[in-house]
C-alpha atoms as a PDB file:
ATOM      1  CA  UNK A   1     -16.769 -32.384 -19.361  1.00  0.00           C
ATOM      2  CA  UNK A   2     -17.981 -28.391 -19.285  1.00  0.00           C
ATOM      3  CA  UNK A   3     -15.492 -25.642 -19.858  1.00  0.00           C
ATOM      4  CA  UNK A   4     -16.434 -22.670 -17.180  1.00  0.00           C
ATOM      5  CA  UNK A   5     -17.047 -19.430 -18.807  1.00  0.00           C
ATOM      6  CA  UNK A   6     -13.689 -17.827 -17.028  1.00  0.00           C
ATOM      7  CA  UNK A   7     -15.958 -14.347 -17.131  1.00  0.00           C
ATOM      8  CA  UNK A   8     -14.452 -10.833 -18.479  1.00  0.00           C
ATOM      9  CA  UNK A   9     -11.127  -9.937 -18.791  1.00  0.00           C
ATOM     10  CA  UNK A  10     -10.085  -7.615 -16.292  1.00  0.00           C
ATOM     11  CA  UNK A  11      -9.473  -4.069 -17.615  1.00  0.00           C
ATOM     12  CA  UNK A  12      -5.881  -2.394 -17.565  1.00  0.00           C
ATOM     13  CA  UNK A  13      -4.622   0.679 -17.862  1.00  0.00           C
ATOM     14  CA  UNK A  14      -3.055  -0.540 -21.659  1.00  0.00           C
ATOM     15  CA  UNK A  15      -6.743  -1.285 -22.639  1.00  0.00           C
ATOM     16  CA  UNK A  16      -7.736   2.142 -21.810  1.00  0.00           C
ATOM     17  CA  UNK A  17      -4.745   3.917 -23.650  1.00  0.00           C
ATOM     18  CA  UNK A  18      -6.139   1.386 -26.728  1.00  0.00           C
ATOM     19  CA  UNK A  19      -9.217   3.049 -26.524  1.00  0.00           C
ATOM     20  CA  UNK A  20      -7.919   6.992 -25.994  1.00  0.00           C
ATOM     21  CA  UNK A  21      -5.454   6.228 -29.143  1.00  0.00           C
ATOM     22  CA  UNK A  22      -8.604   4.744 -31.113  1.00  0.00           C
ATOM     23  CA  UNK A  23     -10.702   7.518 -30.139  1.00  0.00           C
ATOM     24  CA  UNK A  24      -8.169  10.153 -31.265  1.00  0.00           C
ATOM     25  CA  UNK A  25      -7.580   8.535 -35.017  1.00  0.00           C
ATOM     26  CA  UNK A  26     -11.043   8.612 -35.377  1.00  0.00           C
ATOM     27  CA  UNK A  27     -11.389  12.466 -33.912  1.00  0.00           C
ATOM     28  CA  UNK A  28      -9.205  13.198 -36.874  1.00  0.00           C
ATOM     29  CA  UNK A  29     -10.889  10.990 -39.225  1.00  0.00           C
ATOM     30  CA  UNK A  30     -13.992  13.228 -38.793  1.00  0.00           C
ATOM     31  CA  UNK A  31     -11.504  16.768 -38.705  1.00  0.00           C
ATOM     32  CA  UNK A  32     -10.324  15.522 -42.241  1.00  0.00           C
ATOM     33  CA  UNK A  33     -13.760  14.858 -43.629  1.00  0.00           C
ATOM     34  CA  UNK A  34     -14.941  18.580 -42.484  1.00  0.00           C
ATOM     35  CA  UNK A  35     -12.365  19.634 -43.980  1.00  0.00           C
ATOM     36  CA  UNK A  36     -13.742  18.455 -47.564  1.00  0.00           C
ATOM     37  CA  UNK A  37     -16.687  19.759 -46.437  1.00  0.00           C
ATOM     38  CA  UNK A  38     -15.014  23.339 -45.821  1.00  0.00           C
ATOM     39  CA  UNK A  39     -13.099  22.922 -49.454  1.00  0.00           C
ATOM     40  CA  UNK A  40     -16.738  22.775 -51.333  1.00  0.00           C
ATOM     41  CA  UNK A  41     -17.761  25.904 -50.459  1.00  0.00           C
ATOM     42  CA  UNK A  42     -18.059  26.074 -47.077  1.00  0.00           C
ATOM     43  CA  UNK A  43     -21.020  23.297 -47.287  1.00  0.00           C
ATOM     44  CA  UNK A  44     -21.567  21.908 -43.527  1.00  0.00           C
ATOM     45  CA  UNK A  45     -23.857  19.027 -42.153  1.00  0.00           C
ATOM     46  CA  UNK A  46     -26.712  19.853 -42.947  1.00  0.00           C
ATOM     47  CA  UNK A  47     -27.022  22.770 -46.309  1.00  0.00           C
ATOM     48  CA  UNK A  48     -28.951  21.896 -49.276  1.00  0.00           C
ATOM     49  CA  UNK A  49     -27.300  20.007 -52.250  1.00  0.00           C
ATOM     50  CA  UNK A  50     -29.828  21.459 -55.069  1.00  0.00           C
ATOM     51  CA  UNK A  51     -30.419  25.302 -56.058  1.00  0.00           C
ATOM     52  CA  UNK A  52     -33.320  27.156 -55.888  1.00  0.00           C
ATOM     53  CA  UNK A  53     -34.841  25.158 -58.671  1.00  0.00           C
ATOM     54  CA  UNK A  54     -34.518  22.029 -57.648  1.00  0.00           C
ATOM     55  CA  UNK A  55     -31.825  20.917 -59.373  1.00  0.00           C
ATOM     56  CA  UNK A  56     -28.050  19.358 -58.094  1.00  0.00           C
ATOM     57  CA  UNK A  57     -25.991  21.872 -57.384  1.00  0.00           C
ATOM     58  CA  UNK A  58     -22.977  22.720 -59.707  1.00  0.00           C
ATOM     59  CA  UNK A  59     -20.862  24.228 -57.834  1.00  0.00           C
ATOM     60  CA  UNK A  60     -20.126  21.338 -55.666  1.00  0.00           C
ATOM     61  CA  UNK A  61     -18.547  17.841 -55.941  1.00  0.00           C
ATOM     62  CA  UNK A  62     -22.495  16.372 -54.468  1.00  0.00           C
ATOM     63  CA  UNK A  63     -20.318  13.115 -54.319  1.00  0.00           C
ATOM     64  CA  UNK A  64     -17.396  13.931 -52.350  1.00  0.00           C
ATOM     65  CA  UNK A  65     -20.123  16.029 -50.236  1.00  0.00           C
ATOM     66  CA  UNK A  66     -22.430  12.978 -49.189  1.00  0.00           C
ATOM     67  CA  UNK A  67     -19.637  10.490 -48.946  1.00  0.00           C
ATOM     68  CA  UNK A  68     -17.890  13.235 -46.474  1.00  0.00           C
ATOM     69  CA  UNK A  69     -21.702  13.627 -44.644  1.00  0.00           C
ATOM     70  CA  UNK A  70     -22.513   9.832 -44.265  1.00  0.00           C
ATOM     71  CA  UNK A  71     -19.021   8.805 -42.953  1.00  0.00           C
ATOM     72  CA  UNK A  72     -19.396  11.741 -40.380  1.00  0.00           C
ATOM     73  CA  UNK A  73     -21.912  10.614 -39.041  1.00  0.00           C
ATOM     74  CA  UNK A  74     -21.221   6.854 -39.095  1.00  0.00           C
ATOM     75  CA  UNK A  75     -17.736   8.065 -37.323  1.00  0.00           C
ATOM     76  CA  UNK A  76     -19.452  10.243 -34.704  1.00  0.00           C
ATOM     77  CA  UNK A  77     -21.805   7.016 -33.599  1.00  0.00           C
ATOM     78  CA  UNK A  78     -18.587   5.013 -33.680  1.00  0.00           C
ATOM     79  CA  UNK A  79     -17.130   8.099 -31.740  1.00  0.00           C
ATOM     80  CA  UNK A  80     -19.602   7.492 -29.155  1.00  0.00           C
ATOM     81  CA  UNK A  81     -19.908   4.216 -29.023  1.00  0.00           C
ATOM     82  CA  UNK A  82     -16.028   4.268 -27.657  1.00  0.00           C
ATOM     83  CA  UNK A  83     -16.647   7.041 -25.485  1.00  0.00           C
ATOM     84  CA  UNK A  84     -19.351   4.533 -23.320  1.00  0.00           C
ATOM     85  CA  UNK A  85     -16.397   1.897 -23.376  1.00  0.00           C
ATOM     86  CA  UNK A  86     -13.788   4.388 -22.313  1.00  0.00           C
ATOM     87  CA  UNK A  87     -15.671   5.298 -19.487  1.00  0.00           C
ATOM     88  CA  UNK A  88     -16.238   2.257 -18.514  1.00  0.00           C
ATOM     89  CA  UNK A  89     -13.059   1.030 -18.405  1.00  0.00           C
ATOM     90  CA  UNK A  90     -11.875   3.888 -16.404  1.00  0.00           C
ATOM     91  CA  UNK A  91     -14.923   3.194 -14.052  1.00  0.00           C
ATOM     92  CA  UNK A  92     -13.234  -0.570 -13.763  1.00  0.00           C
ATOM     93  CA  UNK A  93      -9.987   0.899 -13.188  1.00  0.00           C
ATOM     94  CA  UNK A  94     -11.433   3.155 -10.583  1.00  0.00           C
ATOM     95  CA  UNK A  95     -13.730   0.963  -8.833  1.00  0.00           C
ATOM     96  CA  UNK A  96     -10.369  -1.933  -9.001  1.00  0.00           C
ATOM     97  CA  UNK A  97      -8.186   0.641  -7.434  1.00  0.00           C
ATOM     98  CA  UNK A  98     -10.692   1.730  -4.739  1.00  0.00           C
ATOM     99  CA  UNK A  99     -10.431  -2.071  -3.788  1.00  0.00           C
ATOM    100  CA  UNK A 100      -7.071  -2.523  -3.608  1.00  0.00           C
ATOM    101  CA  UNK A 101      -6.262   0.951  -1.744  1.00  0.00           C
ATOM    102  CA  UNK A 102      -9.187  -0.071   0.879  1.00  0.00           C
ATOM    103  CA  UNK A 103      -7.552  -3.698   0.593  1.00  0.00           C
ATOM    104  CA  UNK A 104      -4.181  -2.109   1.731  1.00  0.00           C
ATOM    105  CA  UNK A 105      -5.502   0.009   4.009  1.00  0.00           C
ATOM    106  CA  UNK A 106      -7.101  -3.182   6.316  1.00  0.00           C
ATOM    107  CA  UNK A 107      -4.011  -5.269   5.934  1.00  0.00           C
ATOM    108  CA  UNK A 108      -2.245  -2.380   7.201  1.00  0.00           C
ATOM    109  CA  UNK A 109      -4.452  -1.633  10.428  1.00  0.00           C
ATOM    110  CA  UNK A 110      -4.613  -4.847  10.667  1.00  0.00           C
ATOM    111  CA  UNK A 111      -0.792  -5.254  10.637  1.00  0.00           C
ATOM    112  CA  UNK A 112      -0.426  -2.134  13.033  1.00  0.00           C
ATOM    113  CA  UNK A 113      -2.986  -3.512  15.912  1.00  0.00           C
ATOM    114  CA  UNK A 114      -1.060  -6.907  15.896  1.00  0.00           C
ATOM    115  CA  UNK A 115       2.265  -4.644  16.358  1.00  0.00           C
ATOM    116  CA  UNK A 116       0.255  -2.821  19.034  1.00  0.00           C
ATOM    117  CA  UNK A 117       0.287  -5.287  21.630  1.00  0.00           C
ATOM    118  CA  UNK A 118       0.447  -4.126  24.909  1.00  0.00           C
ATOM    119  CA  UNK A 119       4.199  -4.751  26.789  1.00  0.00           C
ATOM    120  CA  UNK A 120       3.984  -7.475  29.324  1.00  0.00           C
ATOM    121  CA  UNK A 121       4.064  -6.465  32.965  1.00  0.00           C
ATOM    122  CA  UNK A 122       7.385  -5.289  34.538  1.00  0.00           C
ATOM    123  CA  UNK A 123       8.334  -6.762  37.985  1.00  0.00           C
ATOM    124  CA  UNK A 124      11.493  -5.202  38.667  1.00  0.00           C
ATOM    125  CA  UNK A 125      13.990  -2.753  38.646  1.00  0.00           C
ATOM    126  CA  UNK A 126      17.310  -1.925  37.738  1.00  0.00           C
ATOM    127  CA  UNK A 127      18.503   1.186  40.037  1.00  0.00           C
ATOM    128  CA  UNK A 128      22.119   0.805  39.862  1.00  0.00           C
ATOM    129  CA  UNK A 129      25.153  -0.455  37.070  1.00  0.00           C
ATOM    130  CA  UNK A 130      28.589  -0.458  37.937  1.00  0.00           C
ATOM    131  CA  UNK A 131      30.651   0.828  34.744  1.00  0.00           C
ATOM    132  CA  UNK A 132      33.050  -2.473  33.850  1.00  0.00           C
ATOM    133  CA  UNK A 133      30.709  -4.964  35.295  1.00  0.00           C
ATOM    134  CA  UNK A 134      29.095  -7.882  33.342  1.00  0.00           C
ATOM    135  CA  UNK A 135      25.771  -6.007  33.650  1.00  0.00           C
ATOM    136  CA  UNK A 136      27.195  -3.093  31.703  1.00  0.00           C
ATOM    137  CA  UNK A 137      28.629  -4.617  29.251  1.00  0.00           C
ATOM    138  CA  UNK A 138      25.302  -6.595  28.425  1.00  0.00           C
ATOM    139  CA  UNK A 139      24.100  -3.014  28.151  1.00  0.00           C
ATOM    140  CA  UNK A 140      22.086  -3.195  31.430  1.00  0.00           C
ATOM    141  CA  UNK A 141      20.927   0.476  32.125  1.00  0.00           C
ATOM    142  CA  UNK A 142      19.726   1.990  35.732  1.00  0.00           C
ATOM    143  CA  UNK A 143      15.582   2.908  35.100  1.00  0.00           C
ATOM    144  CA  UNK A 144      15.360  -0.458  33.239  1.00  0.00           C
ATOM    145  CA  UNK A 145      12.166  -2.338  33.734  1.00  0.00           C
ATOM    146  CA  UNK A 146      12.902  -6.061  33.762  1.00  0.00           C
ATOM    147  CA  UNK A 147       9.739  -8.141  32.032  1.00  0.00           C
ATOM    148  CA  UNK A 148      12.008 -11.171  31.629  1.00  0.00           C
ATOM    149  CA  UNK A 149      15.206 -12.465  33.602  1.00  0.00           C
ATOM    150  CA  UNK A 150      16.086 -15.614  31.968  1.00  0.00           C
ATOM    151  CA  UNK A 151      13.260 -18.061  33.593  1.00  0.00           C
ATOM    152  CA  UNK A 152      11.720 -15.173  35.861  1.00  0.00           C
ATOM    153  CA  UNK A 153       8.570 -13.124  34.697  1.00  0.00           C
ATOM    154  CA  UNK A 154       5.880 -11.448  36.065  1.00  0.00           C
ATOM    155  CA  UNK A 155       3.526 -14.610  36.482  1.00  0.00           C
ATOM    156  CA  UNK A 156       6.001 -16.999  38.103  1.00  0.00           C
ATOM    157  CA  UNK A 157       8.369 -14.206  40.473  1.00  0.00           C
ATOM    158  CA  UNK A 158       7.669 -14.496  43.623  1.00  0.00           C
ATOM    159  CA  UNK A 159      11.395 -12.480  45.623  1.00  0.00           C
ATOM    160  CA  UNK A 160      14.522 -11.577  44.389  1.00  0.00           C
ATOM    161  CA  UNK A 161      15.615 -14.681  45.574  1.00  0.00           C
ATOM    162  CA  UNK A 162      14.183 -16.160  42.097  1.00  0.00           C
ATOM    163  CA  UNK A 163      16.666 -13.863  40.378  1.00  0.00           C
ATOM    164  CA  UNK A 164      19.519 -14.728  42.514  1.00  0.00           C
ATOM    165  CA  UNK A 165      18.826 -18.407  41.890  1.00  0.00           C
ATOM    166  CA  UNK A 166      18.839 -18.094  38.151  1.00  0.00           C
ATOM    167  CA  UNK A 167      22.134 -16.313  38.374  1.00  0.00           C
ATOM    168  CA  UNK A 168      23.576 -18.422  40.829  1.00  0.00           C
ATOM    169  CA  UNK A 169      22.810 -21.480  38.230  1.00  0.00           C
ATOM    170  CA  UNK A 170      23.966 -19.062  35.071  1.00  0.00           C
ATOM    171  CA  UNK A 171      27.934 -18.808  36.108  1.00  0.00           C
ATOM    172  CA  UNK A 172      29.342 -18.363  32.381  1.00  0.00           C
ATOM    173  CA  UNK A 173      26.309 -19.116  30.795  1.00  0.00           C
ATOM    174  CA  UNK A 174      23.928 -16.587  28.681  1.00  0.00           C
ATOM    175  CA  UNK A 175      20.864 -15.531  29.903  1.00  0.00           C
ATOM    176  CA  UNK A 176      18.274 -13.916  28.210  1.00  0.00           C
ATOM    177  CA  UNK A 177      17.083 -10.464  29.680  1.00  0.00           C
ATOM    178  CA  UNK A 178      13.888  -8.258  28.270  1.00  0.00           C
ATOM    179  CA  UNK A 179      13.321  -4.777  29.492  1.00  0.00           C
ATOM    180  CA  UNK A 180      11.070  -1.858  29.388  1.00  0.00           C
ATOM    181  CA  UNK A 181      12.974   0.854  28.164  1.00  0.00           C
ATOM    182  CA  UNK A 182      11.413   4.268  27.286  1.00  0.00           C
ATOM    183  CA  UNK A 183       8.036   2.703  26.346  1.00  0.00           C
ATOM    184  CA  UNK A 184       9.713   0.040  24.586  1.00  0.00           C
ATOM    185  CA  UNK A 185      10.841  -3.762  24.444  1.00  0.00           C
ATOM    186  CA  UNK A 186      14.588  -3.963  24.631  1.00  0.00           C
ATOM    187  CA  UNK A 187      16.238  -8.187  24.437  1.00  0.00           C
ATOM    188  CA  UNK A 188      19.748  -8.025  26.181  1.00  0.00           C
ATOM    189  CA  UNK A 189      22.089 -11.050  26.573  1.00  0.00           C
ATOM    190  CA  UNK A 190      23.570 -11.287  29.911  1.00  0.00           C
ATOM    191  CA  UNK A 191      26.454 -14.012  31.146  1.00  0.00           C
ATOM    192  CA  UNK A 192      26.601 -13.810  35.129  1.00  0.00           C
ATOM    193  CA  UNK A 193      30.668 -14.232  35.690  1.00  0.00           C
ATOM    194  CA  UNK A 194      33.278 -13.335  38.350  1.00  0.00           C
ATOM    195  CA  UNK A 195      34.755 -10.181  37.791  1.00  0.00           C
ATOM    196  CA  UNK A 196      36.733  -7.450  39.627  1.00  0.00           C
ATOM    197  CA  UNK A 197      33.522  -5.938  41.919  1.00  0.00           C
ATOM    198  CA  UNK A 198      31.226  -8.043  43.796  1.00  0.00           C
ATOM    199  CA  UNK A 199      28.734 -10.651  42.771  1.00  0.00           C
ATOM    200  CA  UNK A 200      28.466 -11.811  38.833  1.00  0.00           C
ATOM    201  CA  UNK A 201      26.443  -9.104  37.769  1.00  0.00           C
ATOM    202  CA  UNK A 202      27.331  -5.976  39.278  1.00  0.00           C
ATOM    203  CA  UNK A 203      24.265  -4.409  38.871  1.00  0.00           C
ATOM    204  CA  UNK A 204      21.706  -3.593  42.214  1.00  0.00           C
ATOM    205  CA  UNK A 205      17.950  -4.700  41.701  1.00  0.00           C
ATOM    206  CA  UNK A 206      15.010  -3.696  43.240  1.00  0.00           C
ATOM    207  CA  UNK A 207      11.548  -5.588  43.094  1.00  0.00           C
ATOM    208  CA  UNK A 208       7.937  -3.486  41.484  1.00  0.00           C
ATOM    209  CA  UNK A 209       5.393  -2.987  44.203  1.00  0.00           C
ATOM    210  CA  UNK A 210       2.110  -4.235  42.784  1.00  0.00           C
END
């Protein structure tokens, strides 16, 4: 049985923060060693450690200077390598953020396209609603364009008699009515019933001319 290599671990923000903390620590160490050199008569990284006659200088601590110079070189190499790691880690993070952003945008576009489906075709329009009638109580308004009235829709609508038949068979039973109002689809529950006015609805509906 073979175990597959899971591959490199994905870089996290905390990984980058850890690298930056190490970078700060190395920079502090380099600064401290430079201060050691400064204390030794201002000896830098390149000043000679022998006098004009070739003898070791007596005015500086040679061991301290050599140790400080050696450590500075090593730390600078570590710093360079660490900065490469930081750069690579930031690159990975930015690439992953970009990929996630693009994926989110694609999903949002797909969702928007799904929501922007064309509205169904209306087949009739409400041109009068009597206050206090079943139609009025259901929320039906003048100007509403009907796309679904119970089982009647644009595909099977032939005449207003289709709606009348549905109404007669649905007395005291709620009907699902869908209208287009202000460019939006609105769902209503309409219960045909006897009331003080004429008919079972109390509204006037006209077929739309194709």
